Amino acid sequence: MKIAVEGYPFVLVALALSGLGFVLGWASMAFAGVGLGVFLVWFFRDPERRAPEAKGLVVAPADGKIVSIVKIKNAPLLEGSQTRVSIFMSPFDVHINRMPVKGTIEEVRHQDGKFFAAYKDQAVEQNEQNAMRIADSEGRKFGVVQVAGFLARRVVCKARRGDTFNRGDRFGLILFGSRTDLYMPPDAEIAIAEGQKVKGGETVIGSFA
């Protein structure tokens, strides 16, 4: 199973704990280390995904559950009206983030903050987060905001200003329970509903005529 490189240190610590337990003859510690290692390998799994190729589609930037779909104004790094789709990732979801559209990164901004539970409203403005603005070939602007949660204490974003990505490409991850918000132009036709489970890089979130 392929795992994200950011997970290697955690897995190695778990294996070291297990090895120490076996050396010292502490069976409970040894087997706890093995169990933790297996969980961490599974948590940091990085499955291959195939994004749909049809023109005008916007795919989910993360695995998880749609917790809200709202119209807002002046999202991070954006102006005017947008539709925000919020995806909550539990510790059991794949935590790799993927590009919702093919486009160029126009701006990236990191914000230090608090660690409220990611599904709560105050997490949107007050939690540690990383925001980026993407422009597609039609000139449409999209925003993706990685929001750290109560358990997540690290946001990883490998995208940089000027980088170009294809729809579904990996660009980062968030550790141990978190939220990813997708901002789309208001004329996007929404293809999902609140409460629905989605897969990053595959599930169609919206489309344009």
N, C-alpha and C. Protein backbone atom coordinates (compact mmCIF):
# COMPACT_ATOMS: atom_id res chain seq x y z
N MET A 1 0.84 -1.19 0.00
CA MET A 1 0.00 0.00 0.00
C MET A 1 0.88 1.25 0.00
N LYS A 2 0.63 2.16 -0.94
CA LYS A 2 1.38 3.40 -0.97
C LYS A 2 0.90 4.32 0.15
N ILE A 3 1.85 4.95 0.86
CA ILE A 3 1.48 5.91 1.90
C ILE A 3 2.19 7.23 1.63
N ALA A 4 1.64 8.29 2.18
CA ALA A 4 2.24 9.62 2.03
C ALA A 4 3.58 9.66 2.76
N VAL A 5 4.56 10.34 2.18
CA VAL A 5 5.89 10.38 2.79
C VAL A 5 5.84 11.02 4.17
N GLU A 6 4.88 11.91 4.41
CA GLU A 6 4.77 12.55 5.73
C GLU A 6 4.43 11.54 6.82
N GLY A 7 3.94 10.36 6.43
CA GLY A 7 3.59 9.36 7.42
C GLY A 7 4.73 8.49 7.88
N TYR A 8 5.85 8.49 7.12
CA TYR A 8 6.97 7.61 7.47
C TYR A 8 7.50 7.82 8.90
N PRO A 9 7.72 9.07 9.34
CA PRO A 9 8.24 9.25 10.71
C PRO A 9 7.32 8.66 11.77
N PHE A 10 6.01 8.81 11.59
CA PHE A 10 5.06 8.27 12.57
C PHE A 10 5.11 6.74 12.58
N VAL A 11 5.16 6.14 11.41
CA VAL A 11 5.22 4.67 11.32
C VAL A 11 6.51 4.15 11.94
N LEU A 12 7.63 4.83 11.68
CA LEU A 12 8.91 4.39 12.23
C LEU A 12 8.93 4.47 13.76
N VAL A 13 8.31 5.50 14.30
CA VAL A 13 8.23 5.62 15.77
C VAL A 13 7.43 4.45 16.34
N ALA A 14 6.32 4.12 15.69
CA ALA A 14 5.50 2.99 16.16
C ALA A 14 6.28 1.68 16.09
N LEU A 15 7.02 1.48 15.01
CA LEU A 15 7.81 0.26 14.88
C LEU A 15 8.94 0.22 15.91
N ALA A 16 9.54 1.38 16.18
CA ALA A 16 10.59 1.44 17.20
C ALA A 16 10.03 1.09 18.57
N LEU A 17 8.83 1.59 18.85
CA LEU A 17 8.16 1.28 20.12
C LEU A 17 7.91 -0.22 20.23
N SER A 18 7.46 -0.81 19.14
CA SER A 18 7.20 -2.25 19.14
C SER A 18 8.50 -3.03 19.34
N GLY A 19 9.55 -2.62 18.63
CA GLY A 19 10.83 -3.31 18.76
C GLY A 19 11.38 -3.23 20.17
N LEU A 20 11.24 -2.05 20.79
CA LEU A 20 11.72 -1.88 22.16
C LEU A 20 10.94 -2.80 23.11
N GLY A 21 9.64 -2.92 22.86
CA GLY A 21 8.82 -3.78 23.70
C GLY A 21 9.26 -5.23 23.63
N PHE A 22 9.57 -5.69 22.41
CA PHE A 22 10.03 -7.08 22.25
C PHE A 22 11.38 -7.29 22.93
N VAL A 23 12.29 -6.31 22.81
CA VAL A 23 13.62 -6.43 23.43
C VAL A 23 13.50 -6.49 24.95
N LEU A 24 12.62 -5.67 25.50
CA LEU A 24 12.46 -5.62 26.96
C LEU A 24 11.55 -6.73 27.49
N GLY A 25 10.91 -7.43 26.59
CA GLY A 25 10.01 -8.48 27.02
C GLY A 25 8.65 -7.98 27.47
N TRP A 26 8.30 -6.77 27.04
CA TRP A 26 7.01 -6.18 27.41
C TRP A 26 6.05 -6.44 26.25
N ALA A 27 5.32 -7.52 26.33
CA ALA A 27 4.46 -7.95 25.22
C ALA A 27 3.39 -6.91 24.89
N SER A 28 2.80 -6.33 25.93
CA SER A 28 1.72 -5.36 25.67
C SER A 28 2.23 -4.15 24.89
N MET A 29 3.43 -3.69 25.25
CA MET A 29 4.04 -2.57 24.54
C MET A 29 4.38 -2.95 23.10
N ALA A 30 4.90 -4.15 22.93
CA ALA A 30 5.29 -4.61 21.60
C ALA A 30 4.09 -4.71 20.67
N PHE A 31 3.02 -5.32 21.17
CA PHE A 31 1.84 -5.49 20.31
C PHE A 31 1.09 -4.17 20.11
N ALA A 32 1.17 -3.29 21.11
CA ALA A 32 0.56 -1.96 20.94
C ALA A 32 1.28 -1.19 19.83
N GLY A 33 2.61 -1.32 19.79
CA GLY A 33 3.39 -0.67 18.75
C GLY A 33 3.04 -1.20 17.36
N VAL A 34 2.86 -2.52 17.27
CA VAL A 34 2.47 -3.12 15.99
C VAL A 34 1.10 -2.61 15.56
N GLY A 35 0.17 -2.59 16.50
CA GLY A 35 -1.18 -2.11 16.19
C GLY A 35 -1.19 -0.66 15.75
N LEU A 36 -0.41 0.16 16.46
CA LEU A 36 -0.32 1.56 16.10
C LEU A 36 0.30 1.74 14.72
N GLY A 37 1.33 0.95 14.44
CA GLY A 37 1.98 1.02 13.14
C GLY A 37 1.03 0.68 12.00
N VAL A 38 0.23 -0.38 12.21
CA VAL A 38 -0.75 -0.78 11.18
C VAL A 38 -1.76 0.34 10.96
N PHE A 39 -2.25 0.93 12.05
CA PHE A 39 -3.21 2.02 11.91
C PHE A 39 -2.61 3.21 11.16
N LEU A 40 -1.36 3.55 11.47
CA LEU A 40 -0.73 4.70 10.83
C LEU A 40 -0.48 4.46 9.35
N VAL A 41 -0.09 3.25 8.99
CA VAL A 41 0.06 2.92 7.57
C VAL A 41 -1.28 3.10 6.86
N TRP A 42 -2.35 2.63 7.49
CA TRP A 42 -3.68 2.76 6.90
C TRP A 42 -4.11 4.22 6.85
N PHE A 43 -3.82 4.99 7.92
CA PHE A 43 -4.22 6.39 7.96
C PHE A 43 -3.55 7.20 6.86
N PHE A 44 -2.27 6.96 6.63
CA PHE A 44 -1.52 7.74 5.65
C PHE A 44 -1.58 7.12 4.24
N ARG A 45 -2.52 6.23 4.03
CA ARG A 45 -2.66 5.62 2.71
C ARG A 45 -2.88 6.69 1.63
N ASP A 46 -2.34 6.42 0.47
CA ASP A 46 -2.41 7.39 -0.62
C ASP A 46 -2.83 6.66 -1.89
N PRO A 47 -4.11 6.34 -2.02
CA PRO A 47 -4.58 5.56 -3.16
C PRO A 47 -4.54 6.35 -4.47
N GLU A 48 -4.39 5.63 -5.55
CA GLU A 48 -4.47 6.27 -6.86
C GLU A 48 -5.92 6.61 -7.17
N ARG A 49 -6.12 7.74 -7.80
CA ARG A 49 -7.45 8.17 -8.19
C ARG A 49 -7.43 8.60 -9.66
N ARG A 50 -8.53 8.39 -10.35
CA ARG A 50 -8.64 8.82 -11.74
C ARG A 50 -9.74 9.88 -11.84
N ALA A 51 -9.35 11.10 -12.12
CA ALA A 51 -10.30 12.20 -12.21
C ALA A 51 -11.09 12.11 -13.52
N PRO A 52 -12.38 12.46 -13.50
CA PRO A 52 -13.15 12.48 -14.74
C PRO A 52 -12.58 13.52 -15.70
N GLU A 53 -12.68 13.24 -16.99
CA GLU A 53 -12.02 14.08 -17.98
C GLU A 53 -12.93 15.08 -18.69
N ALA A 54 -14.23 15.00 -18.48
CA ALA A 54 -15.16 15.88 -19.19
C ALA A 54 -14.88 17.35 -18.84
N LYS A 55 -15.12 18.22 -19.80
CA LYS A 55 -14.86 19.64 -19.62
C LYS A 55 -15.84 20.27 -18.63
N GLY A 56 -15.33 21.23 -17.85
CA GLY A 56 -16.19 22.01 -16.97
C GLY A 56 -16.54 21.38 -15.64
N LEU A 57 -15.89 20.26 -15.29
CA LEU A 57 -16.19 19.59 -14.03
C LEU A 57 -15.28 20.08 -12.90
N VAL A 58 -15.82 20.07 -11.69
CA VAL A 58 -15.06 20.39 -10.47
C VAL A 58 -15.17 19.18 -9.56
N VAL A 59 -14.03 18.64 -9.13
CA VAL A 59 -14.06 17.44 -8.29
C VAL A 59 -13.72 17.78 -6.84
N ALA A 60 -14.04 16.86 -5.96
CA ALA A 60 -13.77 17.05 -4.54
C ALA A 60 -12.28 17.16 -4.28
N PRO A 61 -11.85 18.13 -3.46
CA PRO A 61 -10.44 18.25 -3.11
C PRO A 61 -10.02 17.32 -1.97
N ALA A 62 -10.99 16.60 -1.40
CA ALA A 62 -10.68 15.74 -0.25
C ALA A 62 -11.72 14.64 -0.12
N ASP A 63 -11.35 13.56 0.56
CA ASP A 63 -12.31 12.53 0.96
C ASP A 63 -13.05 13.03 2.19
N GLY A 64 -14.27 12.53 2.40
CA GLY A 64 -14.97 12.88 3.62
C GLY A 64 -16.45 13.09 3.40
N LYS A 65 -17.06 13.81 4.33
CA LYS A 65 -18.50 14.06 4.33
C LYS A 65 -18.78 15.52 4.07
N ILE A 66 -19.73 15.81 3.19
CA ILE A 66 -20.15 17.19 2.93
C ILE A 66 -20.95 17.68 4.15
N VAL A 67 -20.40 18.66 4.86
CA VAL A 67 -21.08 19.15 6.07
C VAL A 67 -21.84 20.44 5.82
N SER A 68 -21.53 21.16 4.74
CA SER A 68 -22.31 22.36 4.43
C SER A 68 -22.07 22.80 2.99
N ILE A 69 -23.12 23.39 2.41
CA ILE A 69 -23.05 24.02 1.09
C ILE A 69 -23.74 25.37 1.24
N VAL A 70 -22.98 26.45 1.16
CA VAL A 70 -23.54 27.77 1.42
C VAL A 70 -23.03 28.79 0.41
N LYS A 71 -23.81 29.85 0.23
CA LYS A 71 -23.39 30.99 -0.57
C LYS A 71 -22.76 32.02 0.36
N ILE A 72 -21.58 32.50 0.02
CA ILE A 72 -20.92 33.49 0.86
C ILE A 72 -20.31 34.56 -0.02
N LYS A 73 -19.78 35.59 0.62
CA LYS A 73 -19.09 36.66 -0.10
C LYS A 73 -17.68 36.82 0.46
N ASN A 74 -16.76 37.15 -0.44
CA ASN A 74 -15.38 37.47 -0.07
C ASN A 74 -14.71 36.36 0.74
N ALA A 75 -14.61 35.22 0.12
CA ALA A 75 -13.89 34.09 0.72
C ALA A 75 -12.40 34.41 0.77
N PRO A 76 -11.61 33.63 1.51
CA PRO A 76 -10.16 33.88 1.55
C PRO A 76 -9.56 33.94 0.14
N LEU A 77 -8.86 35.03 -0.15
CA LEU A 77 -8.15 35.27 -1.41
C LEU A 77 -9.08 35.47 -2.61
N LEU A 78 -10.39 35.60 -2.36
CA LEU A 78 -11.35 35.78 -3.43
C LEU A 78 -12.23 37.01 -3.15
N GLU A 79 -12.83 37.53 -4.20
CA GLU A 79 -13.74 38.66 -4.07
C GLU A 79 -15.10 38.29 -4.63
N GLY A 80 -16.13 38.98 -4.16
CA GLY A 80 -17.47 38.74 -4.67
C GLY A 80 -18.12 37.51 -4.05
N SER A 81 -19.11 36.97 -4.76
CA SER A 81 -19.89 35.84 -4.25
C SER A 81 -19.28 34.51 -4.68
N GLN A 82 -19.36 33.53 -3.80
CA GLN A 82 -18.90 32.18 -4.09
C GLN A 82 -19.84 31.17 -3.44
N THR A 83 -19.76 29.95 -3.91
CA THR A 83 -20.41 28.82 -3.25
C THR A 83 -19.33 28.05 -2.51
N ARG A 84 -19.53 27.87 -1.20
CA ARG A 84 -18.57 27.13 -0.40
C ARG A 84 -19.10 25.73 -0.10
N VAL A 85 -18.29 24.74 -0.41
CA VAL A 85 -18.61 23.34 -0.09
C VAL A 85 -17.57 22.88 0.92
N SER A 86 -18.04 22.50 2.11
CA SER A 86 -17.13 22.10 3.19
C SER A 86 -17.14 20.59 3.35
N ILE A 87 -15.94 20.00 3.37
CA ILE A 87 -15.77 18.55 3.49
C ILE A 87 -15.04 18.25 4.80
N PHE A 88 -15.69 17.48 5.66
CA PHE A 88 -15.08 17.09 6.93
C PHE A 88 -14.43 15.72 6.78
N MET A 89 -13.14 15.65 7.15
CA MET A 89 -12.39 14.40 7.09
C MET A 89 -12.24 13.84 8.50
N SER A 90 -12.82 12.70 8.76
CA SER A 90 -12.63 12.05 10.05
C SER A 90 -11.28 11.33 10.04
N PRO A 91 -10.81 10.86 11.19
CA PRO A 91 -9.54 10.12 11.21
C PRO A 91 -9.56 8.86 10.35
N PHE A 92 -10.74 8.44 9.89
CA PHE A 92 -10.84 7.21 9.10
C PHE A 92 -10.83 7.47 7.60
N ASP A 93 -10.84 8.74 7.20
CA ASP A 93 -10.82 9.07 5.77
C ASP A 93 -9.40 9.23 5.26
N VAL A 94 -9.23 9.06 3.94
CA VAL A 94 -7.97 9.41 3.30
C VAL A 94 -7.75 10.91 3.47
N HIS A 95 -6.54 11.31 3.85
CA HIS A 95 -6.28 12.72 4.16
C HIS A 95 -5.45 13.45 3.10
N ILE A 96 -5.28 12.84 1.95
CA ILE A 96 -4.59 13.50 0.85
C ILE A 96 -5.52 14.53 0.22
N ASN A 97 -5.02 15.72 -0.07
CA ASN A 97 -5.79 16.75 -0.76
C ASN A 97 -5.43 16.78 -2.24
N ARG A 98 -6.44 17.04 -3.09
CA ARG A 98 -6.26 17.01 -4.53
C ARG A 98 -6.88 18.24 -5.19
N MET A 99 -6.36 18.58 -6.35
CA MET A 99 -6.83 19.76 -7.07
C MET A 99 -8.25 19.55 -7.61
N PRO A 100 -9.13 20.52 -7.39
CA PRO A 100 -10.51 20.37 -7.89
C PRO A 100 -10.64 20.62 -9.39
N VAL A 101 -9.72 21.40 -9.95
CA VAL A 101 -9.75 21.73 -11.38
C VAL A 101 -8.33 21.78 -11.93
N LYS A 102 -8.23 21.78 -13.25
CA LYS A 102 -6.95 22.03 -13.89
C LYS A 102 -6.74 23.53 -13.91
N GLY A 103 -5.62 23.98 -13.39
CA GLY A 103 -5.40 25.42 -13.34
C GLY A 103 -4.05 25.80 -12.77
N THR A 104 -3.87 27.10 -12.60
CA THR A 104 -2.62 27.67 -12.10
C THR A 104 -2.84 28.30 -10.73
N ILE A 105 -1.91 28.07 -9.83
CA ILE A 105 -1.99 28.66 -8.49
C ILE A 105 -1.60 30.14 -8.58
N GLU A 106 -2.53 31.00 -8.19
CA GLU A 106 -2.27 32.44 -8.25
C GLU A 106 -1.74 32.99 -6.92
N GLU A 107 -2.17 32.37 -5.83
CA GLU A 107 -1.72 32.85 -4.52
C GLU A 107 -1.90 31.75 -3.48
N VAL A 108 -0.99 31.72 -2.51
CA VAL A 108 -1.07 30.78 -1.39
C VAL A 108 -0.82 31.57 -0.10
N ARG A 109 -1.64 31.33 0.92
CA ARG A 109 -1.47 32.07 2.18
C ARG A 109 -1.74 31.14 3.37
N HIS A 110 -0.79 31.13 4.30
CA HIS A 110 -0.94 30.34 5.53
C HIS A 110 -1.36 31.25 6.67
N GLN A 111 -2.25 30.74 7.52
CA GLN A 111 -2.72 31.50 8.68
C GLN A 111 -2.58 30.64 9.93
N ASP A 112 -1.83 31.13 10.91
CA ASP A 112 -1.78 30.45 12.20
C ASP A 112 -3.10 30.66 12.92
N GLY A 113 -3.43 29.76 13.83
CA GLY A 113 -4.69 29.93 14.53
C GLY A 113 -4.93 28.88 15.59
N LYS A 114 -6.20 28.69 15.91
CA LYS A 114 -6.61 27.77 16.97
C LYS A 114 -6.93 26.41 16.38
N PHE A 115 -7.45 25.52 17.23
CA PHE A 115 -7.73 24.16 16.78
C PHE A 115 -9.11 23.70 17.27
N PHE A 116 -10.14 24.48 16.90
CA PHE A 116 -11.50 24.04 17.19
C PHE A 116 -11.81 22.80 16.35
N ALA A 117 -12.81 22.03 16.78
CA ALA A 117 -13.24 20.89 15.98
C ALA A 117 -13.57 21.39 14.58
N ALA A 118 -13.08 20.69 13.56
CA ALA A 118 -13.13 21.20 12.19
C ALA A 118 -14.55 21.38 11.66
N TYR A 119 -15.52 20.64 12.21
CA TYR A 119 -16.89 20.75 11.71
C TYR A 119 -17.63 21.97 12.27
N LYS A 120 -17.05 22.66 13.26
CA LYS A 120 -17.70 23.82 13.86
C LYS A 120 -17.49 25.07 13.01
N ASP A 121 -18.47 26.00 13.08
CA ASP A 121 -18.43 27.20 12.25
C ASP A 121 -17.21 28.07 12.54
N GLN A 122 -16.82 28.18 13.82
CA GLN A 122 -15.70 29.07 14.14
C GLN A 122 -14.37 28.57 13.61
N ALA A 123 -14.31 27.30 13.22
CA ALA A 123 -13.07 26.75 12.66
C ALA A 123 -12.71 27.42 11.34
N VAL A 124 -13.73 27.88 10.59
CA VAL A 124 -13.50 28.47 9.27
C VAL A 124 -12.62 29.70 9.36
N GLU A 125 -12.85 30.53 10.36
CA GLU A 125 -12.12 31.79 10.47
C GLU A 125 -10.97 31.72 11.47
N GLN A 126 -11.09 30.89 12.52
CA GLN A 126 -10.15 30.97 13.62
C GLN A 126 -9.08 29.87 13.65
N ASN A 127 -9.31 28.77 12.97
CA ASN A 127 -8.34 27.67 13.02
C ASN A 127 -7.13 27.92 12.13
N GLU A 128 -6.04 27.23 12.44
CA GLU A 128 -4.89 27.24 11.54
C GLU A 128 -5.34 26.72 10.18
N GLN A 129 -4.89 27.40 9.12
CA GLN A 129 -5.35 27.01 7.79
C GLN A 129 -4.40 27.49 6.70
N ASN A 130 -4.58 26.88 5.54
CA ASN A 130 -3.81 27.27 4.36
C ASN A 130 -4.79 27.48 3.21
N ALA A 131 -4.76 28.67 2.62
CA ALA A 131 -5.68 29.01 1.54
C ALA A 131 -4.91 29.21 0.25
N MET A 132 -5.53 28.84 -0.85
CA MET A 132 -4.92 29.11 -2.15
C MET A 132 -6.00 29.46 -3.17
N ARG A 133 -5.62 30.29 -4.13
CA ARG A 133 -6.52 30.67 -5.22
C ARG A 133 -6.02 30.04 -6.51
N ILE A 134 -6.95 29.45 -7.26
CA ILE A 134 -6.63 28.75 -8.50
C ILE A 134 -7.40 29.39 -9.63
N ALA A 135 -6.76 29.60 -10.76
CA ALA A 135 -7.42 30.10 -11.97
C ALA A 135 -7.41 29.02 -13.03
N ASP A 136 -8.58 28.68 -13.60
CA ASP A 136 -8.61 27.67 -14.66
C ASP A 136 -8.42 28.33 -16.03
N SER A 137 -8.46 27.54 -17.07
CA SER A 137 -8.19 28.05 -18.42
C SER A 137 -9.27 29.01 -18.92
N GLU A 138 -10.44 29.00 -18.28
CA GLU A 138 -11.53 29.90 -18.65
C GLU A 138 -11.51 31.19 -17.85
N GLY A 139 -10.52 31.32 -16.98
CA GLY A 139 -10.42 32.52 -16.15
C GLY A 139 -11.26 32.48 -14.89
N ARG A 140 -11.90 31.35 -14.62
CA ARG A 140 -12.68 31.23 -13.39
C ARG A 140 -11.76 31.06 -12.19
N LYS A 141 -12.16 31.63 -11.07
CA LYS A 141 -11.35 31.59 -9.85
C LYS A 141 -11.96 30.61 -8.85
N PHE A 142 -11.11 29.79 -8.27
CA PHE A 142 -11.52 28.83 -7.25
C PHE A 142 -10.64 28.98 -6.02
N GLY A 143 -11.19 28.66 -4.88
CA GLY A 143 -10.41 28.67 -3.65
C GLY A 143 -10.45 27.31 -2.99
N VAL A 144 -9.33 26.90 -2.42
CA VAL A 144 -9.27 25.70 -1.59
C VAL A 144 -8.60 26.09 -0.28
N VAL A 145 -9.27 25.80 0.82
CA VAL A 145 -8.74 26.13 2.14
C VAL A 145 -8.64 24.85 2.96
N GLN A 146 -7.42 24.53 3.38
CA GLN A 146 -7.18 23.39 4.26
C GLN A 146 -7.27 23.89 5.69
N VAL A 147 -8.20 23.36 6.46
CA VAL A 147 -8.44 23.83 7.83
C VAL A 147 -8.04 22.74 8.82
N ALA A 148 -7.10 23.05 9.70
CA ALA A 148 -6.70 22.10 10.74
C ALA A 148 -7.83 21.94 11.74
N GLY A 149 -7.95 20.75 12.32
CA GLY A 149 -9.01 20.49 13.29
C GLY A 149 -8.48 20.29 14.70
N PHE A 150 -9.31 19.71 15.56
CA PHE A 150 -8.95 19.50 16.96
C PHE A 150 -7.75 18.57 17.09
N LEU A 151 -7.73 17.50 16.29
CA LEU A 151 -6.62 16.55 16.33
C LEU A 151 -5.52 16.92 15.34
N ALA A 152 -5.90 17.58 14.26
CA ALA A 152 -4.90 17.94 13.25
C ALA A 152 -4.07 19.12 13.73
N ARG A 153 -2.78 18.97 13.73
CA ARG A 153 -1.89 20.04 14.17
C ARG A 153 -0.90 20.42 13.08
N ARG A 154 -1.13 19.94 11.88
CA ARG A 154 -0.22 20.28 10.80
C ARG A 154 -0.93 20.24 9.47
N VAL A 155 -0.82 21.33 8.74
CA VAL A 155 -1.36 21.42 7.38
C VAL A 155 -0.18 21.39 6.41
N VAL A 156 -0.22 20.48 5.44
CA VAL A 156 0.85 20.37 4.46
C VAL A 156 0.31 20.80 3.10
N CYS A 157 0.92 21.83 2.51
CA CYS A 157 0.56 22.28 1.17
C CYS A 157 1.83 22.41 0.34
N LYS A 158 1.91 21.62 -0.72
CA LYS A 158 3.11 21.62 -1.57
C LYS A 158 2.95 22.54 -2.78
N ALA A 159 1.77 23.13 -2.95
CA ALA A 159 1.53 24.02 -4.08
C ALA A 159 2.17 25.37 -3.81
N ARG A 160 2.72 25.95 -4.85
CA ARG A 160 3.35 27.27 -4.77
C ARG A 160 2.80 28.17 -5.87
N ARG A 161 2.87 29.45 -5.64
CA ARG A 161 2.38 30.42 -6.63
C ARG A 161 3.05 30.18 -7.98
N GLY A 162 2.26 30.11 -9.03
CA GLY A 162 2.77 29.88 -10.37
C GLY A 162 2.75 28.43 -10.80
N ASP A 163 2.56 27.50 -9.86
CA ASP A 163 2.49 26.08 -10.21
C ASP A 163 1.21 25.78 -10.99
N THR A 164 1.30 24.84 -11.92
CA THR A 164 0.14 24.40 -12.69
C THR A 164 -0.14 22.94 -12.38
N PHE A 165 -1.41 22.62 -12.14
CA PHE A 165 -1.82 21.26 -11.79
C PHE A 165 -2.94 20.80 -12.71
N ASN A 166 -3.04 19.50 -12.85
CA ASN A 166 -4.20 18.90 -13.51
C ASN A 166 -5.28 18.60 -12.49
N ARG A 167 -6.48 18.47 -12.95
CA ARG A 167 -7.59 18.10 -12.07
C ARG A 167 -7.27 16.75 -11.41
N GLY A 168 -7.41 16.71 -10.08
CA GLY A 168 -7.16 15.47 -9.34
C GLY A 168 -5.74 15.27 -8.86
N ASP A 169 -4.82 16.16 -9.26
CA ASP A 169 -3.43 16.03 -8.79
C ASP A 169 -3.33 16.24 -7.28
N ARG A 170 -2.43 15.52 -6.64
CA ARG A 170 -2.18 15.71 -5.22
C ARG A 170 -1.46 17.05 -4.99
N PHE A 171 -1.84 17.74 -3.91
CA PHE A 171 -1.09 18.95 -3.57
C PHE A 171 -0.76 19.07 -2.10
N GLY A 172 -1.28 18.17 -1.26
CA GLY A 172 -0.96 18.26 0.17
C GLY A 172 -1.80 17.30 0.98
N LEU A 173 -1.80 17.51 2.29
CA LEU A 173 -2.63 16.72 3.20
C LEU A 173 -2.74 17.44 4.54
N ILE A 174 -3.67 16.97 5.35
CA ILE A 174 -3.84 17.48 6.72
C ILE A 174 -3.85 16.28 7.64
N LEU A 175 -3.23 16.42 8.80
CA LEU A 175 -3.05 15.27 9.68
C LEU A 175 -4.19 15.12 10.69
N PHE A 176 -4.71 13.91 10.80
CA PHE A 176 -5.54 13.45 11.92
C PHE A 176 -6.84 14.22 12.14
N GLY A 177 -7.71 14.20 11.18
CA GLY A 177 -9.03 14.81 11.35
C GLY A 177 -9.01 16.28 11.01
N SER A 178 -9.77 16.70 10.01
CA SER A 178 -9.64 18.07 9.53
C SER A 178 -10.78 18.39 8.57
N ARG A 179 -10.61 19.51 7.86
CA ARG A 179 -11.67 19.99 6.97
C ARG A 179 -11.04 20.69 5.77
N THR A 180 -11.64 20.49 4.61
CA THR A 180 -11.20 21.19 3.41
C THR A 180 -12.39 21.90 2.81
N ASP A 181 -12.27 23.20 2.59
CA ASP A 181 -13.34 23.99 2.00
C ASP A 181 -13.00 24.31 0.55
N LEU A 182 -13.98 24.12 -0.32
CA LEU A 182 -13.85 24.43 -1.73
C LEU A 182 -14.76 25.61 -2.05
N TYR A 183 -14.20 26.64 -2.69
CA TYR A 183 -14.98 27.81 -3.10
C TYR A 183 -15.06 27.85 -4.61
N MET A 184 -16.29 27.95 -5.12
CA MET A 184 -16.52 27.95 -6.56
C MET A 184 -17.31 29.18 -6.97
N PRO A 185 -17.20 29.61 -8.23
CA PRO A 185 -18.05 30.69 -8.73
C PRO A 185 -19.52 30.34 -8.53
N PRO A 186 -20.38 31.34 -8.28
CA PRO A 186 -21.78 31.07 -7.93
C PRO A 186 -22.60 30.44 -9.05
N ASP A 187 -22.11 30.47 -10.30
CA ASP A 187 -22.88 29.87 -11.40
C ASP A 187 -22.58 28.39 -11.58
N ALA A 188 -21.77 27.83 -10.71
CA ALA A 188 -21.51 26.39 -10.78
C ALA A 188 -22.77 25.61 -10.43
N GLU A 189 -23.06 24.58 -11.20
CA GLU A 189 -24.21 23.72 -10.92
C GLU A 189 -23.77 22.65 -9.92
N ILE A 190 -24.36 22.67 -8.73
CA ILE A 190 -23.96 21.77 -7.65
C ILE A 190 -24.44 20.35 -7.94
N ALA A 191 -23.53 19.39 -7.74
CA ALA A 191 -23.83 18.00 -8.07
C ALA A 191 -23.88 17.10 -6.84
N ILE A 192 -23.74 17.68 -5.64
CA ILE A 192 -23.74 16.87 -4.42
C ILE A 192 -24.72 17.48 -3.41
N ALA A 193 -24.88 16.82 -2.28
CA ALA A 193 -25.80 17.30 -1.24
C ALA A 193 -25.14 17.16 0.12
N GLU A 194 -25.62 17.95 1.08
CA GLU A 194 -25.10 17.84 2.44
C GLU A 194 -25.33 16.43 2.98
N GLY A 195 -24.32 15.93 3.70
CA GLY A 195 -24.40 14.58 4.24
C GLY A 195 -23.81 13.52 3.34
N GLN A 196 -23.52 13.87 2.10
CA GLN A 196 -22.98 12.90 1.14
C GLN A 196 -21.50 12.66 1.38
N LYS A 197 -21.06 11.42 1.18
CA LYS A 197 -19.64 11.07 1.25
C LYS A 197 -19.03 11.24 -0.14
N VAL A 198 -17.82 11.80 -0.17
CA VAL A 198 -17.16 12.06 -1.45
C VAL A 198 -15.73 11.53 -1.42
N LYS A 199 -15.16 11.34 -2.61
CA LYS A 199 -13.78 10.91 -2.76
C LYS A 199 -12.99 12.00 -3.46
N GLY A 200 -11.87 12.38 -2.87
CA GLY A 200 -11.02 13.40 -3.46
C GLY A 200 -10.50 12.99 -4.82
N GLY A 201 -10.60 13.91 -5.77
CA GLY A 201 -10.09 13.67 -7.11
C GLY A 201 -11.03 12.89 -8.01
N GLU A 202 -12.14 12.39 -7.47
CA GLU A 202 -13.05 11.58 -8.27
C GLU A 202 -14.49 12.09 -8.26
N THR A 203 -15.03 12.36 -7.08
CA THR A 203 -16.43 12.77 -6.99
C THR A 203 -16.64 14.16 -7.58
N VAL A 204 -17.60 14.29 -8.47
CA VAL A 204 -17.91 15.59 -9.07
C VAL A 204 -18.70 16.43 -8.08
N ILE A 205 -18.17 17.60 -7.76
CA ILE A 205 -18.82 18.53 -6.83
C ILE A 205 -19.74 19.50 -7.58
N GLY A 206 -19.29 19.95 -8.73
CA GLY A 206 -20.07 20.89 -9.51
C GLY A 206 -19.62 20.90 -10.95
N SER A 207 -20.34 21.66 -11.77
CA SER A 207 -19.99 21.73 -13.20
C SER A 207 -20.43 23.06 -13.77
N PHE A 208 -19.88 23.37 -14.95
CA PHE A 208 -20.24 24.59 -15.67
C PHE A 208 -20.71 24.21 -17.06
N ALA A 209 -21.74 24.91 -17.52
CA ALA A 209 -22.31 24.62 -18.84
C ALA A 209 -21.29 24.96 -19.93
